[in-house]
N, C-alpha and C. Protein backbone atom coordinates (compact mmCIF):
# COMPACT_ATOMS: atom_id res chain seq x y z
N MET A 1 -7.97 16.29 0.26
CA MET A 1 -8.15 14.90 -0.09
C MET A 1 -7.62 14.04 1.07
N MET A 2 -8.29 12.95 1.36
CA MET A 2 -7.84 12.03 2.41
C MET A 2 -6.58 11.30 1.96
N ILE A 3 -5.73 10.93 2.91
CA ILE A 3 -4.48 10.25 2.57
C ILE A 3 -4.75 8.92 1.86
N GLU A 4 -5.81 8.22 2.24
CA GLU A 4 -6.13 6.95 1.57
C GLU A 4 -6.40 7.18 0.09
N GLU A 5 -7.13 8.25 -0.22
CA GLU A 5 -7.45 8.56 -1.61
C GLU A 5 -6.20 8.98 -2.37
N THR A 6 -5.33 9.74 -1.73
CA THR A 6 -4.08 10.16 -2.36
C THR A 6 -3.23 8.95 -2.74
N VAL A 7 -3.05 8.04 -1.78
CA VAL A 7 -2.22 6.85 -2.03
C VAL A 7 -2.90 5.93 -3.05
N LEU A 8 -4.21 5.77 -2.95
CA LEU A 8 -4.95 4.94 -3.90
C LEU A 8 -4.76 5.45 -5.32
N ASN A 9 -4.96 6.74 -5.53
CA ASN A 9 -4.81 7.31 -6.87
C ASN A 9 -3.37 7.20 -7.37
N TYR A 10 -2.42 7.48 -6.49
CA TYR A 10 -1.01 7.43 -6.87
C TYR A 10 -0.60 6.01 -7.28
N LEU A 11 -0.92 5.02 -6.44
CA LEU A 11 -0.53 3.64 -6.77
C LEU A 11 -1.29 3.10 -7.97
N SER A 12 -2.53 3.52 -8.15
CA SER A 12 -3.30 3.09 -9.32
C SER A 12 -2.60 3.52 -10.61
N ASP A 13 -2.01 4.70 -10.59
CA ASP A 13 -1.28 5.19 -11.76
C ASP A 13 0.10 4.53 -11.90
N ALA A 14 0.72 4.18 -10.76
CA ALA A 14 2.10 3.70 -10.77
C ALA A 14 2.24 2.19 -11.02
N LEU A 15 1.20 1.42 -10.71
CA LEU A 15 1.31 -0.04 -10.78
C LEU A 15 0.53 -0.60 -11.96
N ASP A 16 0.91 -1.81 -12.38
CA ASP A 16 0.20 -2.49 -13.45
C ASP A 16 -0.77 -3.53 -12.90
N ALA A 17 -1.19 -3.36 -11.65
CA ALA A 17 -2.17 -4.23 -11.01
C ALA A 17 -3.27 -3.35 -10.41
N PRO A 18 -4.51 -3.85 -10.33
CA PRO A 18 -5.57 -3.06 -9.72
C PRO A 18 -5.25 -2.74 -8.25
N VAL A 19 -5.61 -1.52 -7.81
CA VAL A 19 -5.40 -1.10 -6.43
C VAL A 19 -6.78 -0.80 -5.84
N CYS A 20 -7.08 -1.40 -4.69
CA CYS A 20 -8.41 -1.31 -4.09
C CYS A 20 -8.29 -0.96 -2.61
N MET A 21 -9.40 -0.61 -2.01
CA MET A 21 -9.46 -0.36 -0.58
C MET A 21 -9.94 -1.60 0.18
N GLU A 22 -10.41 -2.61 -0.54
CA GLU A 22 -10.82 -3.87 0.07
C GLU A 22 -10.69 -4.97 -0.98
N VAL A 23 -10.67 -6.21 -0.53
CA VAL A 23 -10.57 -7.34 -1.45
C VAL A 23 -11.85 -7.37 -2.28
N PRO A 24 -11.73 -7.36 -3.61
CA PRO A 24 -12.91 -7.40 -4.46
C PRO A 24 -13.68 -8.72 -4.29
N PRO A 25 -14.99 -8.72 -4.54
CA PRO A 25 -15.79 -9.94 -4.42
C PRO A 25 -15.27 -11.06 -5.32
N GLU A 26 -14.82 -10.71 -6.52
CA GLU A 26 -14.21 -11.68 -7.43
C GLU A 26 -12.83 -11.17 -7.79
N PRO A 27 -11.85 -11.41 -6.91
CA PRO A 27 -10.53 -10.81 -7.10
C PRO A 27 -9.79 -11.35 -8.32
N PRO A 28 -9.06 -10.45 -9.00
CA PRO A 28 -8.19 -10.91 -10.08
C PRO A 28 -6.99 -11.67 -9.51
N GLY A 29 -6.16 -12.21 -10.35
CA GLY A 29 -5.00 -12.96 -9.89
C GLY A 29 -4.02 -12.10 -9.10
N ARG A 30 -3.79 -10.87 -9.56
CA ARG A 30 -2.87 -9.94 -8.89
C ARG A 30 -3.61 -8.66 -8.59
N PHE A 31 -3.48 -8.18 -7.36
CA PHE A 31 -4.09 -6.91 -7.00
C PHE A 31 -3.47 -6.43 -5.69
N VAL A 32 -3.75 -5.16 -5.37
CA VAL A 32 -3.19 -4.52 -4.18
C VAL A 32 -4.35 -3.94 -3.36
N VAL A 33 -4.25 -4.09 -2.04
CA VAL A 33 -5.26 -3.54 -1.13
C VAL A 33 -4.57 -2.59 -0.15
N LEU A 34 -5.16 -1.40 0.03
CA LEU A 34 -4.65 -0.41 0.98
C LEU A 34 -5.49 -0.42 2.24
N GLU A 35 -4.83 -0.16 3.37
CA GLU A 35 -5.55 -0.03 4.63
C GLU A 35 -4.80 0.96 5.52
N LYS A 36 -5.50 1.97 6.00
CA LYS A 36 -4.89 2.88 6.98
C LYS A 36 -5.03 2.22 8.34
N THR A 37 -3.91 2.00 9.02
CA THR A 37 -3.94 1.30 10.30
C THR A 37 -3.73 2.24 11.48
N GLY A 38 -3.43 3.50 11.21
CA GLY A 38 -3.26 4.46 12.28
C GLY A 38 -3.02 5.84 11.72
N SER A 39 -3.16 6.85 12.60
CA SER A 39 -2.91 8.23 12.17
C SER A 39 -2.67 9.10 13.39
N GLY A 40 -2.18 10.29 13.14
CA GLY A 40 -1.94 11.26 14.20
C GLY A 40 -1.81 12.64 13.62
N ARG A 41 -1.69 13.64 14.52
CA ARG A 41 -1.52 15.02 14.06
C ARG A 41 -0.80 15.80 15.15
N THR A 42 0.24 16.54 14.74
CA THR A 42 0.98 17.42 15.64
C THR A 42 1.21 18.74 14.92
N ASP A 43 0.78 19.83 15.53
CA ASP A 43 0.96 21.16 14.95
C ASP A 43 0.48 21.23 13.50
N HIS A 44 -0.68 20.67 13.23
CA HIS A 44 -1.33 20.69 11.92
C HIS A 44 -0.59 19.87 10.86
N ILE A 45 0.38 19.09 11.28
CA ILE A 45 1.06 18.16 10.37
C ILE A 45 0.51 16.77 10.68
N CYS A 46 -0.03 16.12 9.66
CA CYS A 46 -0.68 14.82 9.83
C CYS A 46 0.28 13.67 9.53
N SER A 47 0.04 12.56 10.19
CA SER A 47 0.79 11.35 9.90
C SER A 47 -0.20 10.19 9.76
N ALA A 48 0.20 9.21 9.00
CA ALA A 48 -0.64 8.03 8.78
C ALA A 48 0.25 6.81 8.65
N VAL A 49 -0.28 5.69 9.06
CA VAL A 49 0.37 4.40 8.85
C VAL A 49 -0.51 3.67 7.84
N ILE A 50 0.07 3.35 6.70
CA ILE A 50 -0.67 2.70 5.61
C ILE A 50 -0.06 1.33 5.34
N ALA A 51 -0.91 0.31 5.41
CA ALA A 51 -0.49 -1.05 5.05
C ALA A 51 -0.91 -1.30 3.61
N VAL A 52 0.01 -1.81 2.82
CA VAL A 52 -0.25 -2.11 1.41
C VAL A 52 -0.04 -3.61 1.23
N GLN A 53 -1.12 -4.30 0.92
CA GLN A 53 -1.07 -5.75 0.76
C GLN A 53 -1.07 -6.11 -0.72
N SER A 54 -0.07 -6.90 -1.11
CA SER A 54 0.10 -7.32 -2.50
C SER A 54 -0.30 -8.78 -2.64
N TYR A 55 -1.33 -9.05 -3.41
CA TYR A 55 -1.84 -10.40 -3.64
C TYR A 55 -1.41 -10.88 -5.02
N ALA A 56 -1.08 -12.17 -5.13
CA ALA A 56 -0.73 -12.74 -6.44
C ALA A 56 -0.96 -14.24 -6.44
N GLU A 57 -0.77 -14.84 -7.61
CA GLU A 57 -1.03 -16.27 -7.81
C GLU A 57 0.01 -17.16 -7.13
N SER A 58 1.19 -16.63 -6.86
CA SER A 58 2.24 -17.41 -6.21
C SER A 58 2.95 -16.51 -5.20
N LEU A 59 3.67 -17.13 -4.29
CA LEU A 59 4.41 -16.36 -3.30
C LEU A 59 5.46 -15.48 -3.97
N LEU A 60 6.14 -16.02 -4.98
CA LEU A 60 7.16 -15.24 -5.69
C LEU A 60 6.53 -14.03 -6.38
N GLU A 61 5.39 -14.21 -7.02
CA GLU A 61 4.73 -13.09 -7.69
C GLU A 61 4.23 -12.05 -6.68
N ALA A 62 3.78 -12.49 -5.52
CA ALA A 62 3.37 -11.55 -4.46
C ALA A 62 4.58 -10.75 -3.99
N ALA A 63 5.73 -11.41 -3.87
CA ALA A 63 6.97 -10.72 -3.47
C ALA A 63 7.39 -9.71 -4.53
N ARG A 64 7.27 -10.07 -5.79
CA ARG A 64 7.62 -9.15 -6.88
C ARG A 64 6.69 -7.93 -6.90
N LEU A 65 5.40 -8.17 -6.71
CA LEU A 65 4.46 -7.06 -6.67
C LEU A 65 4.76 -6.16 -5.47
N ASN A 66 5.08 -6.75 -4.34
CA ASN A 66 5.45 -5.99 -3.14
C ASN A 66 6.67 -5.11 -3.43
N LYS A 67 7.64 -5.65 -4.16
CA LYS A 67 8.84 -4.87 -4.51
C LYS A 67 8.45 -3.66 -5.37
N ARG A 68 7.53 -3.86 -6.31
CA ARG A 68 7.08 -2.74 -7.15
C ARG A 68 6.33 -1.70 -6.32
N VAL A 69 5.55 -2.16 -5.35
CA VAL A 69 4.85 -1.24 -4.44
C VAL A 69 5.87 -0.39 -3.69
N LYS A 70 6.90 -1.01 -3.14
CA LYS A 70 7.91 -0.27 -2.38
C LYS A 70 8.63 0.74 -3.26
N GLU A 71 8.95 0.35 -4.49
CA GLU A 71 9.62 1.28 -5.41
C GLU A 71 8.71 2.47 -5.72
N ALA A 72 7.43 2.20 -5.95
CA ALA A 72 6.49 3.29 -6.23
C ALA A 72 6.33 4.20 -5.01
N MET A 73 6.22 3.61 -3.84
CA MET A 73 6.02 4.41 -2.62
C MET A 73 7.24 5.27 -2.31
N ASP A 74 8.41 4.85 -2.76
CA ASP A 74 9.62 5.66 -2.59
C ASP A 74 9.49 7.03 -3.25
N GLU A 75 8.62 7.12 -4.26
CA GLU A 75 8.44 8.38 -5.01
C GLU A 75 7.19 9.15 -4.58
N LEU A 76 6.42 8.62 -3.63
CA LEU A 76 5.19 9.28 -3.20
C LEU A 76 5.44 10.69 -2.69
N ASP A 77 6.58 10.90 -2.07
CA ASP A 77 6.86 12.24 -1.52
C ASP A 77 7.17 13.28 -2.60
N ASP A 78 7.10 12.90 -3.87
CA ASP A 78 7.16 13.88 -4.95
C ASP A 78 5.88 14.71 -5.01
N LEU A 79 4.79 14.19 -4.44
CA LEU A 79 3.53 14.92 -4.40
C LEU A 79 3.64 16.07 -3.39
N ASP A 80 3.04 17.20 -3.72
CA ASP A 80 3.12 18.38 -2.86
C ASP A 80 2.56 18.15 -1.47
N GLU A 81 1.52 17.32 -1.34
CA GLU A 81 0.86 17.11 -0.05
C GLU A 81 1.55 16.07 0.83
N ILE A 82 2.63 15.48 0.35
CA ILE A 82 3.35 14.45 1.11
C ILE A 82 4.70 15.01 1.53
N ALA A 83 4.95 15.02 2.85
CA ALA A 83 6.23 15.53 3.37
C ALA A 83 7.28 14.42 3.40
N SER A 84 6.88 13.21 3.80
CA SER A 84 7.85 12.10 3.84
C SER A 84 7.14 10.76 3.83
N VAL A 85 7.86 9.75 3.36
CA VAL A 85 7.38 8.37 3.34
C VAL A 85 8.52 7.50 3.83
N ARG A 86 8.23 6.63 4.79
CA ARG A 86 9.25 5.72 5.31
C ARG A 86 8.68 4.32 5.37
N LEU A 87 9.41 3.36 4.79
CA LEU A 87 9.01 1.96 4.91
C LEU A 87 9.25 1.53 6.35
N ASN A 88 8.20 1.13 7.02
CA ASN A 88 8.29 0.66 8.40
C ASN A 88 8.73 -0.80 8.42
N THR A 89 8.06 -1.64 7.64
CA THR A 89 8.40 -3.06 7.54
C THR A 89 7.69 -3.66 6.34
N ASP A 90 8.16 -4.80 5.89
CA ASP A 90 7.41 -5.60 4.92
C ASP A 90 7.73 -7.07 5.15
N CYS A 91 6.75 -7.92 4.83
CA CYS A 91 6.92 -9.35 5.12
C CYS A 91 5.90 -10.17 4.33
N ASN A 92 6.18 -11.47 4.29
CA ASN A 92 5.21 -12.42 3.77
C ASN A 92 4.01 -12.38 4.71
N PHE A 93 2.82 -12.21 4.17
CA PHE A 93 1.61 -12.08 4.97
C PHE A 93 0.51 -12.95 4.35
N THR A 94 0.93 -14.15 3.89
CA THR A 94 0.01 -15.06 3.22
C THR A 94 -1.21 -15.33 4.09
N ASP A 95 -2.37 -15.33 3.46
CA ASP A 95 -3.65 -15.53 4.14
C ASP A 95 -4.04 -17.00 4.04
N PRO A 96 -3.76 -17.80 5.09
CA PRO A 96 -4.06 -19.23 4.99
C PRO A 96 -5.56 -19.52 4.95
N ALA A 97 -6.38 -18.70 5.59
CA ALA A 97 -7.82 -18.94 5.58
C ALA A 97 -8.39 -18.80 4.17
N ALA A 98 -7.96 -17.77 3.46
CA ALA A 98 -8.44 -17.54 2.09
C ALA A 98 -7.58 -18.27 1.06
N LYS A 99 -6.48 -18.85 1.51
CA LYS A 99 -5.54 -19.55 0.62
C LYS A 99 -5.06 -18.64 -0.51
N ARG A 100 -4.62 -17.43 -0.11
CA ARG A 100 -4.11 -16.45 -1.07
C ARG A 100 -2.71 -16.02 -0.66
N TYR A 101 -1.80 -15.99 -1.63
CA TYR A 101 -0.45 -15.50 -1.38
C TYR A 101 -0.51 -13.97 -1.28
N ARG A 102 0.20 -13.46 -0.27
CA ARG A 102 0.12 -12.02 -0.01
C ARG A 102 1.39 -11.57 0.70
N TYR A 103 1.86 -10.40 0.32
CA TYR A 103 2.93 -9.70 1.06
C TYR A 103 2.32 -8.42 1.60
N GLN A 104 2.89 -7.91 2.68
CA GLN A 104 2.42 -6.63 3.22
C GLN A 104 3.61 -5.72 3.48
N ALA A 105 3.48 -4.48 3.02
CA ALA A 105 4.46 -3.44 3.30
C ALA A 105 3.73 -2.35 4.08
N VAL A 106 4.34 -1.88 5.17
CA VAL A 106 3.73 -0.87 6.02
C VAL A 106 4.58 0.40 5.93
N PHE A 107 3.91 1.52 5.68
CA PHE A 107 4.58 2.79 5.46
C PHE A 107 4.11 3.83 6.47
N ASP A 108 5.06 4.62 6.97
CA ASP A 108 4.76 5.79 7.80
C ASP A 108 4.81 7.00 6.89
N ILE A 109 3.71 7.73 6.80
CA ILE A 109 3.60 8.84 5.87
C ILE A 109 3.29 10.11 6.65
N THR A 110 4.05 11.17 6.39
CA THR A 110 3.77 12.49 6.95
C THR A 110 3.20 13.32 5.80
N HIS A 111 2.05 13.95 6.06
CA HIS A 111 1.36 14.67 4.98
C HIS A 111 0.67 15.91 5.52
N TYR A 112 0.28 16.78 4.60
CA TYR A 112 -0.38 18.04 4.95
C TYR A 112 -1.86 17.94 4.73
């Protein structure tokens, strides 16, 4: 299974907000979007950089959803195919063009 699919399925089960690979055409008030921003492989051990964007109706709600994402991702390495998960950074990532409140958390994931 691809790492994007693994994280998508895991977060879909762990969160009370829809998790997508792209912004839906008619987005709900709160939702999460995943994006793989990089990857690598050394000695058959794969790594990926996954950005998780949390959208909500207000900046505070986006921050709260981001916090829940980080808490869920802390447990991702319970899966057999995940060796480690490390929060690289997270920040307010509000989209002024779309006028949507958004936070982004970026994770470094080592997987098999």
